[in-house]
Amino acid sequence: MRRSVRYAGLAAAAVCLAAVPARALGIGFELKLSGNANVPTIRLTNTSDVDQITAFNFTIGDTAKNFDVVFSYTNPLGGTHTLLAPDVGDNGIRSDNIGLTFTGFDAGEFTQWTVDVDRDSSPFNTVENYRTVFFNNGGLLNSVATVTFASGHSLALTLPDGSLSDTVYTFTAATNVPDTGSTAWLALATLGVFAAVQSRRRS
């Protein structure tokens, strides 16, 4: 009899959990490009509900060009960054992507940096226009920004073609993801209540 009551209680708890809709959280980011055409400033803002940004990757688009050096960082408030690529020295190791990892990059915060864009075929600095390197590439691929969040989710944004005369370009990406944390806590709480009830019945 006690076993059947226990199974009935577990079944009831499962039905209750299934009836509760999974809560969704919004994750997203805003990417803003501005400043000098050859050394643009890139600003990344975390537009999520609560999730932290942990990593960022940005491809060059026109791979006949490269990122020479990244400088003039503004860290997210209370957070830090680690540069994975390119290196920090001018005319040093160049790269076709910018790779960054972060700690403490909370929702609502931003980080920004400036990057020098050069031509692969030249060992020296060249003057390039990011508007035709990141996008407006004709038959070439446009730049892709990929952001990874602490929850494990990631968002990728391919930059669309745009005006060659704008001074600021703003791109956004956002989606909703299940809040697995709150669902897990709900399950634990429900099972905890059931266990307490069973304990009282046995006593």
C-alpha atoms as a PDB file:
ATOM      1  CA  MET A   1       0.000   0.000   0.000  1.00  0.00           C
ATOM      2  CA  ARG A   2       2.758   2.442   0.958  1.00  0.00           C
ATOM      3  CA  ARG A   3       4.636   1.648  -2.253  1.00  0.00           C
ATOM      4  CA  SER A   4       1.575   2.369  -4.401  1.00  0.00           C
ATOM      5  CA  VAL A   5       1.052   5.660  -2.554  1.00  0.00           C
ATOM      6  CA  ARG A   6       4.691   6.574  -3.156  1.00  0.00           C
ATOM      7  CA  TYR A   7       4.415   5.836  -6.888  1.00  0.00           C
ATOM      8  CA  ALA A   8       1.164   7.770  -7.109  1.00  0.00           C
ATOM      9  CA  GLY A   9       2.849  10.738  -5.462  1.00  0.00           C
ATOM     10  CA  LEU A  10       5.779  10.630  -7.872  1.00  0.00           C
ATOM     11  CA  ALA A  11       3.376  10.435 -10.803  1.00  0.00           C
ATOM     12  CA  ALA A  12       1.486  13.446  -9.468  1.00  0.00           C
ATOM     13  CA  ALA A  13       4.742  15.381  -9.087  1.00  0.00           C
ATOM     14  CA  ALA A  14       5.708  14.538 -12.680  1.00  0.00           C
ATOM     15  CA  VAL A  15       2.309  15.705 -13.933  1.00  0.00           C
ATOM     16  CA  CYS A  16       2.702  18.982 -12.032  1.00  0.00           C
ATOM     17  CA  LEU A  17       6.161  19.570 -13.546  1.00  0.00           C
ATOM     18  CA  ALA A  18       4.902  18.787 -17.046  1.00  0.00           C
ATOM     19  CA  ALA A  19       2.038  21.240 -16.608  1.00  0.00           C
ATOM     20  CA  VAL A  20       4.354  24.127 -15.714  1.00  0.00           C
ATOM     21  CA  PRO A  21       5.553  25.897 -18.879  1.00  0.00           C
ATOM     22  CA  ALA A  22       9.327  26.226 -19.184  1.00  0.00           C
ATOM     23  CA  ARG A  23      10.429  29.780 -18.538  1.00  0.00           C
ATOM     24  CA  ALA A  24      12.318  31.429 -21.414  1.00  0.00           C
ATOM     25  CA  LEU A  25      15.167  33.883 -21.075  1.00  0.00           C
ATOM     26  CA  GLY A  26      16.357  36.300 -23.724  1.00  0.00           C
ATOM     27  CA  ILE A  27      19.983  36.288 -24.862  1.00  0.00           C
ATOM     28  CA  GLY A  28      21.368  38.816 -27.302  1.00  0.00           C
ATOM     29  CA  PHE A  29      24.043  41.297 -28.227  1.00  0.00           C
ATOM     30  CA  GLU A  30      24.544  44.546 -30.087  1.00  0.00           C
ATOM     31  CA  LEU A  31      27.592  45.156 -32.283  1.00  0.00           C
ATOM     32  CA  LYS A  32      28.447  48.739 -33.207  1.00  0.00           C
ATOM     33  CA  LEU A  33      31.150  49.795 -35.697  1.00  0.00           C
ATOM     34  CA  SER A  34      32.365  53.384 -35.867  1.00  0.00           C
ATOM     35  CA  GLY A  35      35.387  55.650 -36.136  1.00  0.00           C
ATOM     36  CA  ASN A  36      38.250  55.699 -38.611  1.00  0.00           C
ATOM     37  CA  ALA A  37      37.694  53.481 -41.676  1.00  0.00           C
ATOM     38  CA  ASN A  38      41.140  51.859 -41.394  1.00  0.00           C
ATOM     39  CA  VAL A  39      41.155  51.504 -37.589  1.00  0.00           C
ATOM     40  CA  PRO A  40      37.477  51.118 -36.625  1.00  0.00           C
ATOM     41  CA  THR A  41      36.174  50.896 -33.080  1.00  0.00           C
ATOM     42  CA  ILE A  42      34.112  47.798 -32.303  1.00  0.00           C
ATOM     43  CA  ARG A  43      31.648  48.020 -29.396  1.00  0.00           C
ATOM     44  CA  LEU A  44      29.960  44.883 -28.042  1.00  0.00           C
ATOM     45  CA  THR A  45      26.969  45.237 -25.695  1.00  0.00           C
ATOM     46  CA  ASN A  46      25.336  42.384 -23.789  1.00  0.00           C
ATOM     47  CA  THR A  47      21.570  42.807 -24.328  1.00  0.00           C
ATOM     48  CA  SER A  48      20.587  39.566 -22.567  1.00  0.00           C
ATOM     49  CA  ASP A  49      18.107  39.334 -19.698  1.00  0.00           C
ATOM     50  CA  VAL A  50      20.613  37.887 -17.213  1.00  0.00           C
ATOM     51  CA  ASP A  51      23.192  35.769 -19.069  1.00  0.00           C
ATOM     52  CA  GLN A  52      26.883  36.692 -19.113  1.00  0.00           C
ATOM     53  CA  ILE A  53      28.952  36.831 -22.300  1.00  0.00           C
ATOM     54  CA  THR A  54      32.000  34.576 -22.061  1.00  0.00           C
ATOM     55  CA  ALA A  55      33.501  34.686 -25.576  1.00  0.00           C
ATOM     56  CA  PHE A  56      33.469  36.651 -28.831  1.00  0.00           C
ATOM     57  CA  ASN A  57      34.765  35.815 -32.295  1.00  0.00           C
ATOM     58  CA  PHE A  58      34.728  38.081 -35.351  1.00  0.00           C
ATOM     59  CA  THR A  59      35.870  36.997 -38.818  1.00  0.00           C
ATOM     60  CA  ILE A  60      37.496  39.414 -41.257  1.00  0.00           C
ATOM     61  CA  GLY A  61      35.133  38.855 -44.194  1.00  0.00           C
ATOM     62  CA  ASP A  62      37.556  39.631 -47.041  1.00  0.00           C
ATOM     63  CA  THR A  63      40.379  37.208 -46.245  1.00  0.00           C
ATOM     64  CA  ALA A  64      42.787  39.096 -48.531  1.00  0.00           C
ATOM     65  CA  LYS A  65      42.878  41.491 -45.549  1.00  0.00           C
ATOM     66  CA  ASN A  66      43.689  40.832 -41.891  1.00  0.00           C
ATOM     67  CA  PHE A  67      43.504  42.203 -38.359  1.00  0.00           C
ATOM     68  CA  ASP A  68      46.961  43.546 -37.506  1.00  0.00           C
ATOM     69  CA  VAL A  69      46.576  44.738 -33.934  1.00  0.00           C
ATOM     70  CA  VAL A  70      43.849  45.301 -31.340  1.00  0.00           C
ATOM     71  CA  PHE A  71      44.196  48.160 -28.860  1.00  0.00           C
ATOM     72  CA  SER A  72      42.402  50.770 -26.699  1.00  0.00           C
ATOM     73  CA  TYR A  73      40.324  48.334 -24.671  1.00  0.00           C
ATOM     74  CA  THR A  74      37.392  49.243 -22.469  1.00  0.00           C
ATOM     75  CA  ASN A  75      36.586  46.242 -20.269  1.00  0.00           C
ATOM     76  CA  PRO A  76      33.012  45.413 -19.213  1.00  0.00           C
ATOM     77  CA  LEU A  77      32.249  46.981 -15.832  1.00  0.00           C
ATOM     78  CA  GLY A  78      33.912  44.814 -13.188  1.00  0.00           C
ATOM     79  CA  GLY A  79      34.988  42.304 -15.821  1.00  0.00           C
ATOM     80  CA  THR A  80      38.131  41.336 -17.702  1.00  0.00           C
ATOM     81  CA  HIS A  81      39.102  40.264 -21.221  1.00  0.00           C
ATOM     82  CA  THR A  82      41.703  37.923 -22.703  1.00  0.00           C
ATOM     83  CA  LEU A  83      42.810  38.454 -26.304  1.00  0.00           C
ATOM     84  CA  LEU A  84      43.259  35.194 -28.222  1.00  0.00           C
ATOM     85  CA  ALA A  85      43.876  36.685 -31.688  1.00  0.00           C
ATOM     86  CA  PRO A  86      45.474  38.693 -33.192  1.00  0.00           C
ATOM     87  CA  ASP A  87      48.475  39.575 -31.033  1.00  0.00           C
ATOM     88  CA  VAL A  88      48.972  42.918 -29.318  1.00  0.00           C
ATOM     89  CA  GLY A  89      52.010  44.096 -31.316  1.00  0.00           C
ATOM     90  CA  ASP A  90      51.775  46.261 -34.427  1.00  0.00           C
ATOM     91  CA  ASN A  91      53.144  44.395 -37.492  1.00  0.00           C
ATOM     92  CA  GLY A  92      53.221  41.226 -35.390  1.00  0.00           C
ATOM     93  CA  ILE A  93      51.195  38.056 -35.872  1.00  0.00           C
ATOM     94  CA  ARG A  94      48.181  38.992 -37.968  1.00  0.00           C
ATOM     95  CA  SER A  95      44.882  37.109 -38.005  1.00  0.00           C
ATOM     96  CA  ASP A  96      41.686  36.689 -40.030  1.00  0.00           C
ATOM     97  CA  ASN A  97      39.633  36.780 -36.847  1.00  0.00           C
ATOM     98  CA  ILE A  98      39.394  38.558 -33.515  1.00  0.00           C
ATOM     99  CA  GLY A  99      39.053  36.149 -30.597  1.00  0.00           C
ATOM    100  CA  LEU A 100      38.269  37.283 -27.060  1.00  0.00           C
ATOM    101  CA  THR A 101      37.169  35.637 -23.833  1.00  0.00           C
ATOM    102  CA  PHE A 102      35.592  37.480 -20.891  1.00  0.00           C
ATOM    103  CA  THR A 103      34.852  37.234 -17.206  1.00  0.00           C
ATOM    104  CA  GLY A 104      32.180  39.313 -15.495  1.00  0.00           C
ATOM    105  CA  PHE A 105      30.569  40.494 -18.755  1.00  0.00           C
ATOM    106  CA  ASP A 106      27.065  40.918 -17.324  1.00  0.00           C
ATOM    107  CA  ALA A 107      23.781  41.816 -18.988  1.00  0.00           C
ATOM    108  CA  GLY A 108      23.555  45.508 -19.871  1.00  0.00           C
ATOM    109  CA  GLU A 109      27.337  46.018 -19.928  1.00  0.00           C
ATOM    110  CA  PHE A 110      29.591  46.742 -22.904  1.00  0.00           C
ATOM    111  CA  THR A 111      33.188  46.431 -24.004  1.00  0.00           C
ATOM    112  CA  GLN A 112      34.957  48.102 -26.901  1.00  0.00           C
ATOM    113  CA  TRP A 113      38.292  48.147 -28.670  1.00  0.00           C
ATOM    114  CA  THR A 114      39.955  49.504 -31.809  1.00  0.00           C
ATOM    115  CA  VAL A 115      41.462  47.299 -34.514  1.00  0.00           C
ATOM    116  CA  ASP A 116      43.851  47.988 -37.410  1.00  0.00           C
ATOM    117  CA  VAL A 117      42.845  46.461 -40.759  1.00  0.00           C
ATOM    118  CA  ASP A 118      45.651  45.713 -43.250  1.00  0.00           C
ATOM    119  CA  ARG A 119      46.317  43.841 -46.479  1.00  0.00           C
ATOM    120  CA  ASP A 120      47.780  40.324 -46.427  1.00  0.00           C
ATOM    121  CA  SER A 121      50.164  40.981 -49.316  1.00  0.00           C
ATOM    122  CA  SER A 122      51.977  43.833 -47.553  1.00  0.00           C
ATOM    123  CA  PRO A 123      54.333  43.477 -44.575  1.00  0.00           C
ATOM    124  CA  PHE A 124      53.601  47.104 -43.729  1.00  0.00           C
ATOM    125  CA  ASN A 125      50.506  49.003 -42.643  1.00  0.00           C
ATOM    126  CA  THR A 126      48.058  49.695 -45.462  1.00  0.00           C
ATOM    127  CA  VAL A 127      44.996  51.932 -45.524  1.00  0.00           C
ATOM    128  CA  GLU A 128      41.812  49.864 -45.863  1.00  0.00           C
ATOM    129  CA  ASN A 129      38.123  50.682 -45.516  1.00  0.00           C
ATOM    130  CA  TYR A 130      36.328  48.320 -43.117  1.00  0.00           C
ATOM    131  CA  ARG A 131      33.067  48.990 -44.990  1.00  0.00           C
ATOM    132  CA  THR A 132      34.386  46.899 -47.901  1.00  0.00           C
ATOM    133  CA  VAL A 133      36.316  44.424 -45.725  1.00  0.00           C
ATOM    134  CA  PHE A 134      33.618  43.441 -43.205  1.00  0.00           C
ATOM    135  CA  PHE A 135      30.723  43.721 -45.691  1.00  0.00           C
ATOM    136  CA  ASN A 136      29.974  45.036 -49.203  1.00  0.00           C
ATOM    137  CA  ASN A 137      32.353  42.323 -50.413  1.00  0.00           C
ATOM    138  CA  GLY A 138      30.664  41.496 -53.690  1.00  0.00           C
ATOM    139  CA  GLY A 139      30.985  37.743 -54.111  1.00  0.00           C
ATOM    140  CA  LEU A 140      33.085  37.330 -50.967  1.00  0.00           C
ATOM    141  CA  LEU A 141      31.764  36.383 -47.534  1.00  0.00           C
ATOM    142  CA  ASN A 142      30.806  39.070 -45.050  1.00  0.00           C
ATOM    143  CA  SER A 143      32.127  39.176 -41.500  1.00  0.00           C
ATOM    144  CA  VAL A 144      30.456  36.956 -38.902  1.00  0.00           C
ATOM    145  CA  ALA A 145      30.220  37.862 -35.198  1.00  0.00           C
ATOM    146  CA  THR A 146      29.707  34.921 -32.828  1.00  0.00           C
ATOM    147  CA  VAL A 147      28.970  35.432 -29.134  1.00  0.00           C
ATOM    148  CA  THR A 148      29.001  32.649 -26.526  1.00  0.00           C
ATOM    149  CA  PHE A 149      27.116  32.933 -23.230  1.00  0.00           C
ATOM    150  CA  ALA A 150      27.681  31.434 -19.784  1.00  0.00           C
ATOM    151  CA  SER A 151      24.614  29.213 -20.256  1.00  0.00           C
ATOM    152  CA  GLY A 152      26.401  27.495 -23.144  1.00  0.00           C
ATOM    153  CA  HIS A 153      24.235  29.046 -25.849  1.00  0.00           C
ATOM    154  CA  SER A 154      25.757  31.024 -28.715  1.00  0.00           C
ATOM    155  CA  LEU A 155      24.491  33.507 -31.291  1.00  0.00           C
ATOM    156  CA  ALA A 156      26.009  34.158 -34.722  1.00  0.00           C
ATOM    157  CA  LEU A 157      25.345  37.260 -36.818  1.00  0.00           C
ATOM    158  CA  THR A 158      26.449  37.717 -40.437  1.00  0.00           C
ATOM    159  CA  LEU A 159      26.886  41.422 -41.134  1.00  0.00           C
ATOM    160  CA  PRO A 160      24.605  42.590 -43.963  1.00  0.00           C
ATOM    161  CA  ASP A 161      25.741  44.895 -46.747  1.00  0.00           C
ATOM    162  CA  GLY A 162      25.167  48.566 -46.037  1.00  0.00           C
ATOM    163  CA  SER A 163      25.887  52.146 -47.025  1.00  0.00           C
ATOM    164  CA  LEU A 164      29.487  53.117 -47.797  1.00  0.00           C
ATOM    165  CA  SER A 165      29.006  56.556 -46.265  1.00  0.00           C
ATOM    166  CA  ASP A 166      27.547  55.881 -42.795  1.00  0.00           C
ATOM    167  CA  THR A 167      29.748  56.751 -39.821  1.00  0.00           C
ATOM    168  CA  VAL A 168      28.104  54.297 -37.397  1.00  0.00           C
ATOM    169  CA  TYR A 169      26.752  50.805 -38.098  1.00  0.00           C
ATOM    170  CA  THR A 170      24.653  48.970 -35.516  1.00  0.00           C
ATOM    171  CA  PHE A 171      23.816  45.258 -35.750  1.00  0.00           C
ATOM    172  CA  THR A 172      21.772  43.203 -33.290  1.00  0.00           C
ATOM    173  CA  ALA A 173      21.072  39.531 -32.643  1.00  0.00           C
ATOM    174  CA  ALA A 174      18.693  38.062 -30.060  1.00  0.00           C
ATOM    175  CA  THR A 175      16.717  34.917 -29.280  1.00  0.00           C
ATOM    176  CA  ASN A 176      14.905  33.194 -26.404  1.00  0.00           C
ATOM    177  CA  VAL A 177      16.308  30.074 -24.730  1.00  0.00           C
ATOM    178  CA  PRO A 178      14.845  27.794 -22.034  1.00  0.00           C
ATOM    179  CA  ASP A 179      15.742  28.742 -18.478  1.00  0.00           C
ATOM    180  CA  THR A 180      16.998  25.302 -17.500  1.00  0.00           C
ATOM    181  CA  GLY A 181      18.158  26.592 -14.124  1.00  0.00           C
ATOM    182  CA  SER A 182      14.692  27.582 -12.941  1.00  0.00           C
ATOM    183  CA  THR A 183      13.188  24.330 -14.285  1.00  0.00           C
ATOM    184  CA  ALA A 184      15.732  22.287 -12.350  1.00  0.00           C
ATOM    185  CA  TRP A 185      15.044  24.200  -9.134  1.00  0.00           C
ATOM    186  CA  LEU A 186      11.300  23.675  -9.628  1.00  0.00           C
ATOM    187  CA  ALA A 187      11.852  19.931 -10.021  1.00  0.00           C
ATOM    188  CA  LEU A 188      13.994  19.766  -6.891  1.00  0.00           C
ATOM    189  CA  ALA A 189      11.498  21.798  -4.899  1.00  0.00           C
ATOM    190  CA  THR A 190       8.582  19.594  -6.003  1.00  0.00           C
ATOM    191  CA  LEU A 191      10.411  16.400  -5.134  1.00  0.00           C
ATOM    192  CA  GLY A 192      11.445  17.926  -1.807  1.00  0.00           C
ATOM    193  CA  VAL A 193       7.839  18.650  -0.903  1.00  0.00           C
ATOM    194  CA  PHE A 194       6.852  15.118  -1.901  1.00  0.00           C
ATOM    195  CA  ALA A 195       9.632  13.629   0.218  1.00  0.00           C
ATOM    196  CA  ALA A 196       8.543  15.708   3.225  1.00  0.00           C
ATOM    197  CA  VAL A 197       4.964  14.525   2.839  1.00  0.00           C
ATOM    198  CA  GLN A 198       6.073  10.881   2.632  1.00  0.00           C
ATOM    199  CA  SER A 199       8.254  11.327   5.709  1.00  0.00           C
ATOM    200  CA  ARG A 200       5.309  12.666   7.714  1.00  0.00           C
ATOM    201  CA  ARG A 201       3.129   9.774   6.567  1.00  0.00           C
ATOM    202  CA  ARG A 202       5.728   7.221   7.711  1.00  0.00           C
ATOM    203  CA  SER A 203       6.097   8.886  11.086  1.00  0.00           C
END
